[in-house]
Protein backbone atom coordinates (compact mmCIF):
# COMPACT_ATOMS: atom_id res chain seq x y z
CA UNK A 1 0.00 0.00 0.00
CA UNK A 2 2.86 2.38 0.77
CA UNK A 3 4.01 2.35 -2.86
CA UNK A 4 0.44 3.32 -3.76
CA UNK A 5 0.53 6.34 -1.43
CA UNK A 6 -1.41 4.77 1.47
CA UNK A 7 0.16 4.07 4.84
CA UNK A 8 -1.19 1.16 6.87
CA UNK A 9 -0.38 1.17 10.57
CA UNK A 10 0.07 -1.81 12.83
CA UNK A 11 -1.92 -2.51 15.95
CA UNK A 12 -1.31 -3.83 19.44
CA UNK A 13 -0.05 -7.39 19.67
CA UNK A 14 -3.37 -8.90 20.78
CA UNK A 15 -5.07 -7.59 17.63
CA UNK A 16 -2.22 -8.41 15.25
CA UNK A 17 -3.33 -10.36 12.15
CA UNK A 18 -6.96 -9.35 12.81
CA UNK A 19 -7.17 -5.64 11.99
CA UNK A 20 -5.15 -2.77 10.54
CA UNK A 21 -5.43 1.00 10.71
CA UNK A 22 -5.47 3.52 7.92
CA UNK A 23 -4.41 6.90 9.20
CA UNK A 24 -4.31 10.42 7.88
CA UNK A 25 -2.38 13.50 8.83
CA UNK A 26 -4.78 16.41 8.95
CA UNK A 27 -7.98 16.58 6.97
CA UNK A 28 -9.03 13.74 4.68
CA UNK A 29 -11.20 14.60 1.71
CA UNK A 30 -13.78 12.40 0.04
CA UNK A 31 -11.31 11.94 -2.77
CA UNK A 32 -8.73 10.66 -0.25
CA UNK A 33 -11.25 8.15 1.11
CA UNK A 34 -12.20 6.88 -2.35
CA UNK A 35 -8.59 6.61 -3.47
CA UNK A 36 -7.66 4.67 -0.34
CA UNK A 37 -10.64 2.31 -0.72
CA UNK A 38 -9.72 1.71 -4.35
CA UNK A 39 -6.06 1.01 -3.62
CA UNK A 40 -6.98 -1.30 -0.74
CA UNK A 41 -9.31 -3.26 -3.02
CA UNK A 42 -6.59 -3.65 -5.63
CA UNK A 43 -4.08 -4.96 -3.10
CA UNK A 44 -6.61 -7.32 -1.49
CA UNK A 45 -7.57 -8.60 -4.94
CA UNK A 46 -3.97 -9.28 -5.90
CA UNK A 47 -3.53 -11.24 -2.65
CA UNK A 48 -6.67 -13.28 -3.26
CA UNK A 49 -8.88 -11.80 -0.53
CA UNK A 50 -11.31 -9.93 -2.81
CA UNK A 51 -12.78 -11.32 -6.03
CA UNK A 52 -14.87 -8.40 -7.23
CA UNK A 53 -13.19 -5.02 -7.56
CA UNK A 54 -15.25 -1.92 -6.97
CA UNK A 55 -17.62 -2.99 -4.18
CA UNK A 56 -15.71 -1.14 -1.45
CA UNK A 57 -15.28 1.97 -3.55
CA UNK A 58 -18.99 1.95 -4.42
CA UNK A 59 -19.91 1.58 -0.73
CA UNK A 60 -17.62 4.48 0.21
CA UNK A 61 -19.18 6.58 -2.56
CA UNK A 62 -22.70 5.91 -1.23
CA UNK A 63 -21.65 6.96 2.28
CA UNK A 64 -19.93 10.11 1.02
CA UNK A 65 -22.97 11.01 -1.09
CA UNK A 66 -25.10 11.03 2.07
CA UNK A 67 -22.68 13.31 3.95
PDB file of N, CA and C in Angstrom:
ATOM      1  N   UNK A   1       0.820  -1.187   0.000  1.00  0.00           N
ATOM      2  CA  UNK A   1       0.000   0.000   0.000  1.00  0.00           C
ATOM      3  C   UNK A   1       0.867   1.254   0.000  1.00  0.00           C
ATOM      4  N   UNK A   2       2.011   1.188   0.678  1.00  0.00           N
ATOM      5  CA  UNK A   2       2.857   2.377   0.774  1.00  0.00           C
ATOM      6  C   UNK A   2       3.280   2.869  -0.611  1.00  0.00           C
ATOM      7  N   UNK A   3       3.611   1.938  -1.510  1.00  0.00           N
ATOM      8  CA  UNK A   3       4.014   2.353  -2.858  1.00  0.00           C
ATOM      9  C   UNK A   3       2.848   2.971  -3.620  1.00  0.00           C
ATOM     10  N   UNK A   4       1.636   2.754  -3.151  1.00  0.00           N
ATOM     11  CA  UNK A   4       0.442   3.321  -3.764  1.00  0.00           C
ATOM     12  C   UNK A   4       0.013   4.610  -3.078  1.00  0.00           C
ATOM     13  N   UNK A   5       0.810   5.080  -2.099  1.00  0.00           N
ATOM     14  CA  UNK A   5       0.527   6.341  -1.429  1.00  0.00           C
ATOM     15  C   UNK A   5      -0.361   6.226  -0.210  1.00  0.00           C
ATOM     16  N   UNK A   6      -0.561   4.997   0.297  1.00  0.00           N
ATOM     17  CA  UNK A   6      -1.412   4.774   1.465  1.00  0.00           C
ATOM     18  C   UNK A   6      -0.574   4.101   2.543  1.00  0.00           C
ATOM     19  N   UNK A   7      -0.610   4.645   3.740  1.00  0.00           N
ATOM     20  CA  UNK A   7       0.164   4.071   4.839  1.00  0.00           C
ATOM     21  C   UNK A   7      -0.772   3.301   5.759  1.00  0.00           C
ATOM     22  N   UNK A   8      -0.438   2.033   5.975  1.00  0.00           N
ATOM     23  CA  UNK A   8      -1.194   1.159   6.867  1.00  0.00           C
ATOM     24  C   UNK A   8      -0.398   1.029   8.153  1.00  0.00           C
ATOM     25  N   UNK A   9      -1.052   1.246   9.272  1.00  0.00           N
ATOM     26  CA  UNK A   9      -0.376   1.173  10.569  1.00  0.00           C
ATOM     27  C   UNK A   9      -0.682  -0.151  11.252  1.00  0.00           C
ATOM     28  N   UNK A  10       0.269  -0.599  12.046  1.00  0.00           N
ATOM     29  CA  UNK A  10       0.074  -1.808  12.828  1.00  0.00           C
ATOM     30  C   UNK A  10      -0.810  -1.548  14.033  1.00  0.00           C
ATOM     31  N   UNK A  11      -1.070  -2.603  14.761  1.00  0.00           N
ATOM     32  CA  UNK A  11      -1.919  -2.515  15.950  1.00  0.00           C
ATOM     33  C   UNK A  11      -1.238  -3.228  17.105  1.00  0.00           C
ATOM     34  N   UNK A  12      -1.853  -3.157  18.270  1.00  0.00           N
ATOM     35  CA  UNK A  12      -1.307  -3.828  19.440  1.00  0.00           C
ATOM     36  C   UNK A  12      -1.239  -5.331  19.202  1.00  0.00           C
ATOM     37  N   UNK A  13      -0.326  -5.981  19.884  1.00  0.00           N
ATOM     38  CA  UNK A  13      -0.046  -7.395  19.671  1.00  0.00           C
ATOM     39  C   UNK A  13      -1.299  -8.272  19.709  1.00  0.00           C
ATOM     40  N   UNK A  14      -2.197  -8.019  20.657  1.00  0.00           N
ATOM     41  CA  UNK A  14      -3.369  -8.898  20.785  1.00  0.00           C
ATOM     42  C   UNK A  14      -4.318  -8.808  19.589  1.00  0.00           C
ATOM     43  N   UNK A  15      -4.219  -7.746  18.811  1.00  0.00           N
ATOM     44  CA  UNK A  15      -5.067  -7.589  17.630  1.00  0.00           C
ATOM     45  C   UNK A  15      -4.327  -7.882  16.327  1.00  0.00           C
ATOM     46  N   UNK A  16      -3.041  -8.162  16.431  1.00  0.00           N
ATOM     47  CA  UNK A  16      -2.217  -8.415  15.251  1.00  0.00           C
ATOM     48  C   UNK A  16      -2.825  -9.544  14.418  1.00  0.00           C
ATOM     49  N   UNK A  17      -2.778  -9.404  13.118  1.00  0.00           N
ATOM     50  CA  UNK A  17      -3.333 -10.357  12.151  1.00  0.00           C
ATOM     51  C   UNK A  17      -4.861 -10.369  12.128  1.00  0.00           C
ATOM     52  N   UNK A  18      -5.496  -9.439  12.826  1.00  0.00           N
ATOM     53  CA  UNK A  18      -6.955  -9.352  12.813  1.00  0.00           C
ATOM     54  C   UNK A  18      -7.461  -8.037  12.236  1.00  0.00           C
ATOM     55  N   UNK A  19      -6.741  -6.947  12.489  1.00  0.00           N
ATOM     56  CA  UNK A  19      -7.167  -5.638  11.994  1.00  0.00           C
ATOM     57  C   UNK A  19      -5.950  -4.834  11.552  1.00  0.00           C
ATOM     58  N   UNK A  20      -6.188  -3.741  10.875  1.00  0.00           N
ATOM     59  CA  UNK A  20      -5.151  -2.773  10.539  1.00  0.00           C
ATOM     60  C   UNK A  20      -5.782  -1.396  10.619  1.00  0.00           C
ATOM     61  N   UNK A  21      -4.940  -0.379  10.640  1.00  0.00           N
ATOM     62  CA  UNK A  21      -5.426   1.001  10.714  1.00  0.00           C
ATOM     63  C   UNK A  21      -4.960   1.773   9.496  1.00  0.00           C
ATOM     64  N   UNK A  22      -5.834   2.591   8.984  1.00  0.00           N
ATOM     65  CA  UNK A  22      -5.473   3.521   7.916  1.00  0.00           C
ATOM     66  C   UNK A  22      -5.554   4.905   8.535  1.00  0.00           C
ATOM     67  N   UNK A  23      -4.447   5.599   8.554  1.00  0.00           N
ATOM     68  CA  UNK A  23      -4.405   6.905   9.201  1.00  0.00           C
ATOM     69  C   UNK A  23      -4.301   8.034   8.201  1.00  0.00           C
ATOM     70  N   UNK A  24      -4.502   9.231   8.704  1.00  0.00           N
ATOM     71  CA  UNK A  24      -4.307  10.418   7.877  1.00  0.00           C
ATOM     72  C   UNK A  24      -3.701  11.505   8.752  1.00  0.00           C
ATOM     73  N   UNK A  25      -2.972  12.356   8.141  1.00  0.00           N
ATOM     74  CA  UNK A  25      -2.379  13.496   8.833  1.00  0.00           C
ATOM     75  C   UNK A  25      -3.167  14.723   8.405  1.00  0.00           C
ATOM     76  N   UNK A  26      -3.972  15.247   9.298  1.00  0.00           N
ATOM     77  CA  UNK A  26      -4.779  16.409   8.955  1.00  0.00           C
ATOM     78  C   UNK A  26      -6.124  15.999   8.401  1.00  0.00           C
ATOM     79  N   UNK A  27      -6.654  16.817   7.534  1.00  0.00           N
ATOM     80  CA  UNK A  27      -7.980  16.580   6.969  1.00  0.00           C
ATOM     81  C   UNK A  27      -7.918  15.572   5.832  1.00  0.00           C
ATOM     82  N   UNK A  28      -8.899  14.689   5.783  1.00  0.00           N
ATOM     83  CA  UNK A  28      -9.028  13.742   4.677  1.00  0.00           C
ATOM     84  C   UNK A  28     -10.257  14.143   3.868  1.00  0.00           C
ATOM     85  N   UNK A  29     -10.090  14.243   2.585  1.00  0.00           N
ATOM     86  CA  UNK A  29     -11.201  14.604   1.708  1.00  0.00           C
ATOM     87  C   UNK A  29     -11.918  13.342   1.234  1.00  0.00           C
ATOM     88  N   UNK A  30     -13.072  13.523   0.634  1.00  0.00           N
ATOM     89  CA  UNK A  30     -13.778  12.398   0.037  1.00  0.00           C
ATOM     90  C   UNK A  30     -12.933  11.714  -1.016  1.00  0.00           C
ATOM     91  N   UNK A  31     -12.197  12.504  -1.747  1.00  0.00           N
ATOM     92  CA  UNK A  31     -11.309  11.944  -2.772  1.00  0.00           C
ATOM     93  C   UNK A  31     -10.240  11.054  -2.139  1.00  0.00           C
ATOM     94  N   UNK A  32      -9.715  11.468  -0.975  1.00  0.00           N
ATOM     95  CA  UNK A  32      -8.732  10.656  -0.254  1.00  0.00           C
ATOM     96  C   UNK A  32      -9.337   9.316   0.160  1.00  0.00           C
ATOM     97  N   UNK A  33     -10.558   9.365   0.671  1.00  0.00           N
ATOM     98  CA  UNK A  33     -11.246   8.147   1.115  1.00  0.00           C
ATOM     99  C   UNK A  33     -11.463   7.200  -0.063  1.00  0.00           C
ATOM    100  N   UNK A  34     -11.940   7.724  -1.174  1.00  0.00           N
ATOM    101  CA  UNK A  34     -12.196   6.885  -2.346  1.00  0.00           C
ATOM    102  C   UNK A  34     -10.914   6.301  -2.914  1.00  0.00           C
ATOM    103  N   UNK A  35      -9.873   7.094  -2.975  1.00  0.00           N
ATOM    104  CA  UNK A  35      -8.587   6.614  -3.472  1.00  0.00           C
ATOM    105  C   UNK A  35      -8.042   5.502  -2.585  1.00  0.00           C
ATOM    106  N   UNK A  36      -8.143   5.682  -1.277  1.00  0.00           N
ATOM    107  CA  UNK A  36      -7.660   4.670  -0.340  1.00  0.00           C
ATOM    108  C   UNK A  36      -8.466   3.385  -0.475  1.00  0.00           C
ATOM    109  N   UNK A  37      -9.786   3.493  -0.561  1.00  0.00           N
ATOM    110  CA  UNK A  37     -10.636   2.307  -0.724  1.00  0.00           C
ATOM    111  C   UNK A  37     -10.281   1.571  -2.009  1.00  0.00           C
ATOM    112  N   UNK A  38     -10.066   2.314  -3.070  1.00  0.00           N
ATOM    113  CA  UNK A  38      -9.725   1.714  -4.354  1.00  0.00           C
ATOM    114  C   UNK A  38      -8.380   0.997  -4.288  1.00  0.00           C
ATOM    115  N   UNK A  39      -7.377   1.635  -3.719  1.00  0.00           N
ATOM    116  CA  UNK A  39      -6.057   1.014  -3.621  1.00  0.00           C
ATOM    117  C   UNK A  39      -6.092  -0.218  -2.724  1.00  0.00           C
ATOM    118  N   UNK A  40      -6.847  -0.153  -1.635  1.00  0.00           N
ATOM    119  CA  UNK A  40      -6.979  -1.299  -0.739  1.00  0.00           C
ATOM    120  C   UNK A  40      -7.627  -2.470  -1.470  1.00  0.00           C
ATOM    121  N   UNK A  41      -8.662  -2.200  -2.239  1.00  0.00           N
ATOM    122  CA  UNK A  41      -9.312  -3.261  -3.016  1.00  0.00           C
ATOM    123  C   UNK A  41      -8.345  -3.913  -3.999  1.00  0.00           C
ATOM    124  N   UNK A  42      -7.551  -3.113  -4.659  1.00  0.00           N
ATOM    125  CA  UNK A  42      -6.593  -3.647  -5.633  1.00  0.00           C
ATOM    126  C   UNK A  42      -5.595  -4.576  -4.946  1.00  0.00           C
ATOM    127  N   UNK A  43      -5.055  -4.138  -3.823  1.00  0.00           N
ATOM    128  CA  UNK A  43      -4.080  -4.956  -3.099  1.00  0.00           C
ATOM    129  C   UNK A  43      -4.730  -6.239  -2.584  1.00  0.00           C
ATOM    130  N   UNK A  44      -5.916  -6.134  -1.998  1.00  0.00           N
ATOM    131  CA  UNK A  44      -6.605  -7.324  -1.487  1.00  0.00           C
ATOM    132  C   UNK A  44      -6.960  -8.283  -2.614  1.00  0.00           C
ATOM    133  N   UNK A  45      -7.289  -7.759  -3.779  1.00  0.00           N
ATOM    134  CA  UNK A  45      -7.575  -8.598  -4.936  1.00  0.00           C
ATOM    135  C   UNK A  45      -6.326  -9.348  -5.390  1.00  0.00           C
ATOM    136  N   UNK A  46      -5.219  -8.650  -5.472  1.00  0.00           N
ATOM    137  CA  UNK A  46      -3.967  -9.284  -5.898  1.00  0.00           C
ATOM    138  C   UNK A  46      -3.519 -10.374  -4.934  1.00  0.00           C
ATOM    139  N   UNK A  47      -3.901 -10.244  -3.664  1.00  0.00           N
ATOM    140  CA  UNK A  47      -3.532 -11.245  -2.655  1.00  0.00           C
ATOM    141  C   UNK A  47      -4.598 -12.323  -2.484  1.00  0.00           C
ATOM    142  N   UNK A  48      -5.660 -12.244  -3.266  1.00  0.00           N
ATOM    143  CA  UNK A  48      -6.674 -13.285  -3.259  1.00  0.00           C
ATOM    144  C   UNK A  48      -7.760 -13.155  -2.205  1.00  0.00           C
ATOM    145  N   UNK A  49      -7.871 -11.994  -1.566  1.00  0.00           N
ATOM    146  CA  UNK A  49      -8.884 -11.795  -0.533  1.00  0.00           C
ATOM    147  C   UNK A  49     -10.188 -11.221  -1.072  1.00  0.00           C
ATOM    148  N   UNK A  50     -10.138 -10.568  -2.221  1.00  0.00           N
ATOM    149  CA  UNK A  50     -11.314  -9.929  -2.815  1.00  0.00           C
ATOM    150  C   UNK A  50     -11.409 -10.379  -4.264  1.00  0.00           C
ATOM    151  N   UNK A  51     -12.593 -10.878  -4.649  1.00  0.00           N
ATOM    152  CA  UNK A  51     -12.777 -11.320  -6.030  1.00  0.00           C
ATOM    153  C   UNK A  51     -13.292 -10.203  -6.931  1.00  0.00           C
ATOM    154  N   UNK A  52     -14.223  -9.425  -6.429  1.00  0.00           N
ATOM    155  CA  UNK A  52     -14.873  -8.395  -7.229  1.00  0.00           C
ATOM    156  C   UNK A  52     -14.336  -7.020  -6.864  1.00  0.00           C
ATOM    157  N   UNK A  53     -13.684  -6.375  -7.809  1.00  0.00           N
ATOM    158  CA  UNK A  53     -13.188  -5.024  -7.565  1.00  0.00           C
ATOM    159  C   UNK A  53     -14.323  -4.019  -7.702  1.00  0.00           C
ATOM    160  N   UNK A  54     -14.303  -3.008  -6.860  1.00  0.00           N
ATOM    161  CA  UNK A  54     -15.252  -1.916  -6.970  1.00  0.00           C
ATOM    162  C   UNK A  54     -16.304  -1.866  -5.880  1.00  0.00           C
ATOM    163  N   UNK A  55     -16.556  -2.969  -5.194  1.00  0.00           N
ATOM    164  CA  UNK A  55     -17.616  -2.990  -4.182  1.00  0.00           C
ATOM    165  C   UNK A  55     -17.306  -2.036  -3.026  1.00  0.00           C
ATOM    166  N   UNK A  56     -16.082  -2.023  -2.555  1.00  0.00           N
ATOM    167  CA  UNK A  56     -15.706  -1.138  -1.452  1.00  0.00           C
ATOM    168  C   UNK A  56     -15.741   0.323  -1.855  1.00  0.00           C
ATOM    169  N   UNK A  57     -15.270   0.599  -3.045  1.00  0.00           N
ATOM    170  CA  UNK A  57     -15.280   1.967  -3.546  1.00  0.00           C
ATOM    171  C   UNK A  57     -16.716   2.454  -3.745  1.00  0.00           C
ATOM    172  N   UNK A  58     -17.577   1.578  -4.249  1.00  0.00           N
ATOM    173  CA  UNK A  58     -18.987   1.946  -4.415  1.00  0.00           C
ATOM    174  C   UNK A  58     -19.647   2.209  -3.065  1.00  0.00           C
ATOM    175  N   UNK A  59     -19.343   1.382  -2.070  1.00  0.00           N
ATOM    176  CA  UNK A  59     -19.909   1.580  -0.730  1.00  0.00           C
ATOM    177  C   UNK A  59     -19.440   2.907  -0.140  1.00  0.00           C
ATOM    178  N   UNK A  60     -18.156   3.209  -0.300  1.00  0.00           N
ATOM    179  CA  UNK A  60     -17.624   4.478   0.207  1.00  0.00           C
ATOM    180  C   UNK A  60     -18.284   5.659  -0.505  1.00  0.00           C
ATOM    181  N   UNK A  61     -18.518   5.525  -1.796  1.00  0.00           N
ATOM    182  CA  UNK A  61     -19.178   6.584  -2.564  1.00  0.00           C
ATOM    183  C   UNK A  61     -20.591   6.832  -2.044  1.00  0.00           C
ATOM    184  N   UNK A  62     -21.330   5.758  -1.758  1.00  0.00           N
ATOM    185  CA  UNK A  62     -22.695   5.914  -1.227  1.00  0.00           C
ATOM    186  C   UNK A  62     -22.685   6.642   0.111  1.00  0.00           C
ATOM    187  N   UNK A  63     -21.739   6.294   0.976  1.00  0.00           N
ATOM    188  CA  UNK A  63     -21.650   6.957   2.283  1.00  0.00           C
ATOM    189  C   UNK A  63     -21.303   8.429   2.102  1.00  0.00           C
ATOM    190  N   UNK A  64     -20.331   8.715   1.248  1.00  0.00           N
ATOM    191  CA  UNK A  64     -19.925  10.106   1.024  1.00  0.00           C
ATOM    192  C   UNK A  64     -21.053  10.925   0.393  1.00  0.00           C
ATOM    193  N   UNK A  65     -21.845  10.304  -0.461  1.00  0.00           N
ATOM    194  CA  UNK A  65     -22.965  11.013  -1.092  1.00  0.00           C
ATOM    195  C   UNK A  65     -24.021  11.426  -0.078  1.00  0.00           C
ATOM    196  N   UNK A  66     -24.124  10.689   1.031  1.00  0.00           N
ATOM    197  CA  UNK A  66     -25.102  11.025   2.073  1.00  0.00           C
ATOM    198  C   UNK A  66     -24.584  12.098   3.018  1.00  0.00           C
ATOM    199  N   UNK A  67     -23.279  12.346   3.004  1.00  0.00           N
ATOM    200  CA  UNK A  67     -22.679  13.311   3.947  1.00  0.00           C
ATOM    201  C   UNK A  67     -22.946  14.737   3.525  1.00  0.00           C
TER     202      UNK A  67
END
